Every structure is written in C-alpha cells, then in structure tokens.
Amino acid sequence: MLIELRTRQVGPWGLNAYALACPETQQSVLIDPGDEPDTLQDMLAGTVPTAILLTHSHLDHVGALDEMRARLEVPVMMHAGPHAGNIQLEADRWLAHGDSVQVGNHTLRIYDTPGHTADAICIAIAGDERIIVGDAIFEGGPGKTWSPEAFQTTLRTLREIVLPWPDETTCYPGHGPAFRLGDKRRAIEAFLAKNHGAFYGDATWEM
C-alpha cells in the first residue's frame, strides 16, 4: 500500500504542512510545522507520530516547531545548515544528501537542494512518484534567492538534482499546488539555457 500523504495550509503565508502516514503501522511523520499547532495535530489524527522533519529553516516552516516538539515528544530531523538568518535550531538528527528515514514500512530519501536556503532539502518517498520539495521549486519557478551566489546554487540544484527525476514525479511544494515535473521540464530547461547574469530574487520559468 502507498504511504498516505496528508496536507493542511497553515499560517499567514499559506504554508503547506504535510504528514506522511504508513497505512500498515499507522506510524507518521510531520513535515514543516509552520503554524496552527491544533491544525497540525488534527492532521496526524489516527496515527502514531515518530518524527518531525524540516525542509528548511524559514520561519513560515518552523513557527510551530517548539510547540509540536513539546506536544509529540518525537525526534526533530533537519539539515545541519547554516540555517536561514543564522538562527540556531536544535535537531535530534542532522540529515544529509542520501540519508534515509523510516516511516513504518516505508522509506524516505533525502536530497540536498540548496539555493533558496543553504539548508534546503527535498523528501522523496522511495518506490513512489511523490516528492515533498519545500521551497526549492514551485509550479511557476524556483524558490526566491537573496544573492547572485544563491541563485547560481539554485541553477545547479535544478540541473543536478531536480531535472534527473522522472517526468512522472509529483512535486509537493511549501506553497501553492502540487505539479508533475514532466509538465514543467521544457520550461525549466529553457530557463536554465538562458544567461541570467547577476540576477537574484523571485524568478519565473518564463523570465
């Protein structure tokens, strides 16, 4: 049976918080506890939470982290950073590219996808077509960057990590709708073929 993916939109920035629940064992993980702890708790109903994972450290993704850590009493897992704005976050497990996380009978695979932040990761479900991509990539463009160097890092992430994923991959971003990678491949390839100079900031595939 496929792992169950649940989502709720929380907070003033319309964050997509996610939960993955194993239907055989009822074990679950919470991903990106940005806001509204009661809503996040309701999303986990009928499951046994085993971990909290972060796709990156921006406030809209971690705003309810301390509250949910206290409520669930489970390990927190994230990239070692540096974290956004050099904030200090404590993890029970630091995640790196190629790591795996077990959720009941299912395995999650970790991809390092820096650019939007230095600590950005994507969380793929092994043997599945679904990947939780955080703010690394959206239907309309890549995640916002704050320096030319970060934008160049985003371009490398797109070339080396994202585009090798199969067309059938469904990306579940931190904001906005899920989308099929194959439907965006041509636009992403055209975006990467252009010379963007010293650009950084909000980008769209069509620019």
Protein backbone atom coordinates (compact mmCIF):
# COMPACT_ATOMS: atom_id res chain seq x y z
CA MET A 1 0.00 0.00 0.00
CA LEU A 2 1.18 3.52 -0.77
CA ILE A 3 2.04 5.79 2.13
CA GLU A 4 -0.71 8.31 2.83
CA LEU A 5 0.15 11.97 2.21
CA ARG A 6 -1.92 14.49 4.15
CA THR A 7 -1.65 18.26 3.86
CA ARG A 8 -3.05 21.36 5.53
CA GLN A 9 -2.48 25.00 4.66
CA VAL A 10 -1.48 26.95 7.76
CA GLY A 11 -0.31 30.39 8.75
CA PRO A 12 -0.42 33.83 7.10
CA TRP A 13 1.87 32.75 4.23
CA GLY A 14 -0.28 29.80 3.18
CA LEU A 15 2.28 27.18 4.12
CA ASN A 16 1.62 23.60 3.02
CA ALA A 17 2.35 21.44 6.06
CA TYR A 18 2.50 17.72 5.35
CA ALA A 19 2.15 14.42 7.15
CA LEU A 20 3.13 11.02 5.79
CA ALA A 21 1.37 8.06 7.40
CA CYS A 22 2.09 4.36 6.90
CA PRO A 23 -1.30 2.61 6.44
CA GLU A 24 0.02 -0.70 7.77
CA THR A 25 1.61 0.53 11.01
CA GLN A 26 -0.12 3.93 11.46
CA GLN A 27 3.30 5.49 12.10
CA SER A 28 3.62 9.02 10.75
CA VAL A 29 6.00 11.96 10.35
CA LEU A 30 5.12 15.64 10.41
CA ILE A 31 6.85 17.85 7.83
CA ASP A 32 7.22 21.64 8.20
CA PRO A 33 5.23 22.59 11.32
CA GLY A 34 4.86 26.24 10.37
CA ASP A 35 1.84 27.42 12.35
CA GLU A 36 -1.51 26.45 13.90
CA PRO A 37 -0.49 23.57 16.20
CA ASP A 38 -4.06 22.37 16.65
CA THR A 39 -4.48 22.04 12.88
CA LEU A 40 -1.21 20.14 12.65
CA GLN A 41 -2.30 17.83 15.47
CA ASP A 42 -5.61 17.16 13.72
CA MET A 43 -3.72 16.26 10.53
CA LEU A 44 -1.97 13.49 12.48
CA ALA A 45 -5.23 12.02 13.83
CA GLY A 46 -5.31 8.23 13.97
CA THR A 47 -1.53 7.93 13.63
CA VAL A 48 1.48 7.46 15.90
CA PRO A 49 3.95 10.28 15.12
CA THR A 50 7.59 9.21 15.12
CA ALA A 51 9.46 12.32 13.90
CA ILE A 52 9.26 15.94 12.76
CA LEU A 53 11.16 16.81 9.55
CA LEU A 54 12.00 20.26 8.18
CA THR A 55 12.55 21.04 4.51
CA HIS A 56 14.37 24.24 5.57
CA SER A 57 14.54 26.77 8.38
CA HIS A 58 12.48 29.78 7.25
CA LEU A 59 10.07 30.99 9.92
CA ASP A 60 6.94 30.10 7.97
CA HIS A 61 8.11 26.45 8.02
CA VAL A 62 9.27 26.26 11.66
CA GLY A 63 6.99 28.67 13.53
CA ALA A 64 5.21 25.90 15.47
CA LEU A 65 8.25 23.65 15.79
CA ASP A 66 8.81 24.15 19.52
CA GLU A 67 5.13 23.63 20.31
CA MET A 68 4.86 20.48 18.19
CA ARG A 69 8.13 19.10 19.58
CA ALA A 70 6.69 19.50 23.07
CA ARG A 71 3.32 18.00 22.13
CA LEU A 72 4.56 15.00 20.16
CA GLU A 73 7.81 14.27 22.05
CA VAL A 74 9.45 12.87 18.92
CA PRO A 75 12.88 13.45 17.30
CA VAL A 76 13.37 16.52 15.11
CA MET A 77 15.32 15.99 11.88
CA MET A 78 16.73 18.66 9.56
CA HIS A 79 19.79 19.71 7.58
CA ALA A 80 22.72 20.96 9.65
CA GLY A 81 22.72 24.33 7.95
CA PRO A 82 23.79 27.08 8.10
CA HIS A 83 20.19 27.93 8.84
CA ALA A 84 18.27 30.90 7.46
CA GLY A 85 19.28 34.15 9.12
CA ASN A 86 21.82 32.16 11.14
CA ILE A 87 19.11 31.14 13.59
CA GLN A 88 20.01 28.36 15.99
CA LEU A 89 17.90 25.23 15.74
CA GLU A 90 18.41 22.01 17.65
CA ALA A 91 17.91 18.65 15.97
CA ASP A 92 17.98 15.10 17.25
CA ARG A 93 19.28 14.01 13.84
CA TRP A 94 21.02 16.04 11.16
CA LEU A 95 20.04 14.98 7.67
CA ALA A 96 22.33 14.97 4.63
CA HIS A 97 22.07 14.05 0.95
CA GLY A 98 21.39 10.33 0.50
CA ASP A 99 20.14 9.74 4.03
CA SER A 100 17.00 7.71 4.63
CA VAL A 101 14.23 7.98 7.22
CA GLN A 102 11.90 5.11 8.01
CA VAL A 103 8.15 5.65 8.43
CA GLY A 104 6.61 2.32 9.33
CA ASN A 105 7.09 0.08 6.28
CA HIS A 106 8.11 2.97 4.04
CA THR A 107 11.42 4.73 3.41
CA LEU A 108 12.03 8.41 2.75
CA ARG A 109 15.10 9.58 0.79
CA ILE A 110 16.76 12.93 1.41
CA TYR A 111 18.05 15.21 -1.35
CA ASP A 112 20.19 18.29 -0.63
CA THR A 113 18.64 21.09 -2.70
CA PRO A 114 20.32 24.36 -1.65
CA GLY A 115 19.65 27.75 -3.20
CA HIS A 116 16.50 29.18 -1.59
CA THR A 117 18.35 28.46 1.65
CA ALA A 118 21.62 26.69 2.36
CA ASP A 119 19.82 24.04 4.42
CA ALA A 120 17.04 23.18 1.95
CA ILE A 121 16.23 19.51 1.42
CA CYS A 122 13.62 17.58 -0.54
CA ILE A 123 11.99 14.48 0.90
CA ALA A 124 11.24 11.69 -1.58
CA ILE A 125 9.19 8.58 -0.93
CA ALA A 126 11.19 5.55 -2.06
CA GLY A 127 9.45 3.47 -4.74
CA ASP A 128 6.92 6.27 -5.22
CA GLU A 129 6.48 9.21 -7.58
CA ARG A 130 5.87 11.83 -4.86
CA ILE A 131 8.49 14.23 -3.50
CA ILE A 132 7.96 16.96 -0.91
CA VAL A 133 10.10 19.77 -2.30
CA GLY A 134 9.66 22.58 0.23
CA ASP A 135 10.52 25.93 -1.36
CA ALA A 136 13.17 24.53 -3.71
CA ILE A 137 10.82 24.57 -6.70
CA PHE A 138 7.28 25.69 -7.43
CA GLU A 139 4.93 25.26 -10.36
CA GLY A 140 5.82 28.75 -11.62
CA GLY A 141 9.53 28.95 -10.83
CA PRO A 142 12.32 28.23 -8.37
CA GLY A 143 12.35 29.42 -4.76
CA LYS A 144 13.33 33.03 -4.10
CA THR A 145 17.04 33.76 -3.61
CA TRP A 146 18.78 36.56 -1.72
CA SER A 147 22.12 36.82 -3.55
CA PRO A 148 23.58 36.12 -7.01
CA GLU A 149 25.57 33.26 -5.45
CA ALA A 150 22.42 31.67 -4.05
CA PHE A 151 20.70 31.97 -7.42
CA GLN A 152 23.63 30.20 -9.11
CA THR A 153 23.35 27.49 -6.45
CA THR A 154 19.66 27.14 -7.34
CA LEU A 155 20.58 26.67 -11.00
CA ARG A 156 23.00 23.88 -10.07
CA THR A 157 20.34 22.25 -7.90
CA LEU A 158 17.88 22.31 -10.78
CA ARG A 159 20.39 20.83 -13.23
CA GLU A 160 21.97 18.22 -10.98
CA ILE A 161 19.18 17.16 -8.62
CA VAL A 162 15.72 18.10 -9.87
CA LEU A 163 15.86 17.51 -13.63
CA PRO A 164 17.19 13.94 -13.27
CA TRP A 165 13.95 12.99 -11.50
CA PRO A 166 11.46 11.15 -13.77
CA ASP A 167 8.73 13.05 -15.61
CA GLU A 168 6.13 11.22 -13.51
CA THR A 169 7.46 12.83 -10.31
CA THR A 170 4.79 14.80 -8.49
CA CYS A 171 6.30 17.73 -6.58
CA TYR A 172 4.59 18.89 -3.39
CA PRO A 173 5.86 22.42 -2.63
CA GLY A 174 5.79 24.53 0.51
CA HIS A 175 3.26 26.91 -1.07
CA GLY A 176 0.78 26.52 -3.89
CA PRO A 177 -0.39 23.46 -5.81
CA ALA A 178 1.39 20.18 -6.46
CA PHE A 179 2.57 19.67 -10.04
CA ARG A 180 4.01 16.98 -12.31
CA LEU A 181 7.67 17.57 -13.12
CA GLY A 182 7.28 16.40 -16.72
CA ASP A 183 4.76 19.17 -17.33
CA LYS A 184 7.41 21.76 -16.39
CA ARG A 185 10.54 20.14 -17.82
CA ARG A 186 10.66 22.15 -21.05
CA ALA A 187 10.14 25.42 -19.20
CA ILE A 188 12.85 24.58 -16.67
CA GLU A 189 15.30 23.55 -19.38
CA ALA A 190 14.64 26.80 -21.26
CA PHE A 191 15.11 28.76 -18.03
CA LEU A 192 18.47 27.05 -17.44
CA ALA A 193 19.61 27.71 -21.00
CA LYS A 194 19.39 31.49 -20.54
CA ASN A 195 22.10 33.78 -19.17
CA HIS A 196 20.59 35.42 -16.10
CA GLY A 197 23.71 37.42 -15.26
CA ALA A 198 23.88 38.55 -11.63
CA PHE A 199 20.16 38.08 -11.05
CA TYR A 200 18.65 37.04 -7.73
CA GLY A 201 15.21 37.30 -6.16
CA ASP A 202 11.84 36.00 -7.29
CA ALA A 203 12.11 34.16 -10.61
CA THR A 204 9.63 32.62 -13.02
CA TRP A 205 10.31 29.96 -15.64
CA GLU A 206 9.30 32.42 -18.38
CA MET A 207 11.74 35.22 -17.48
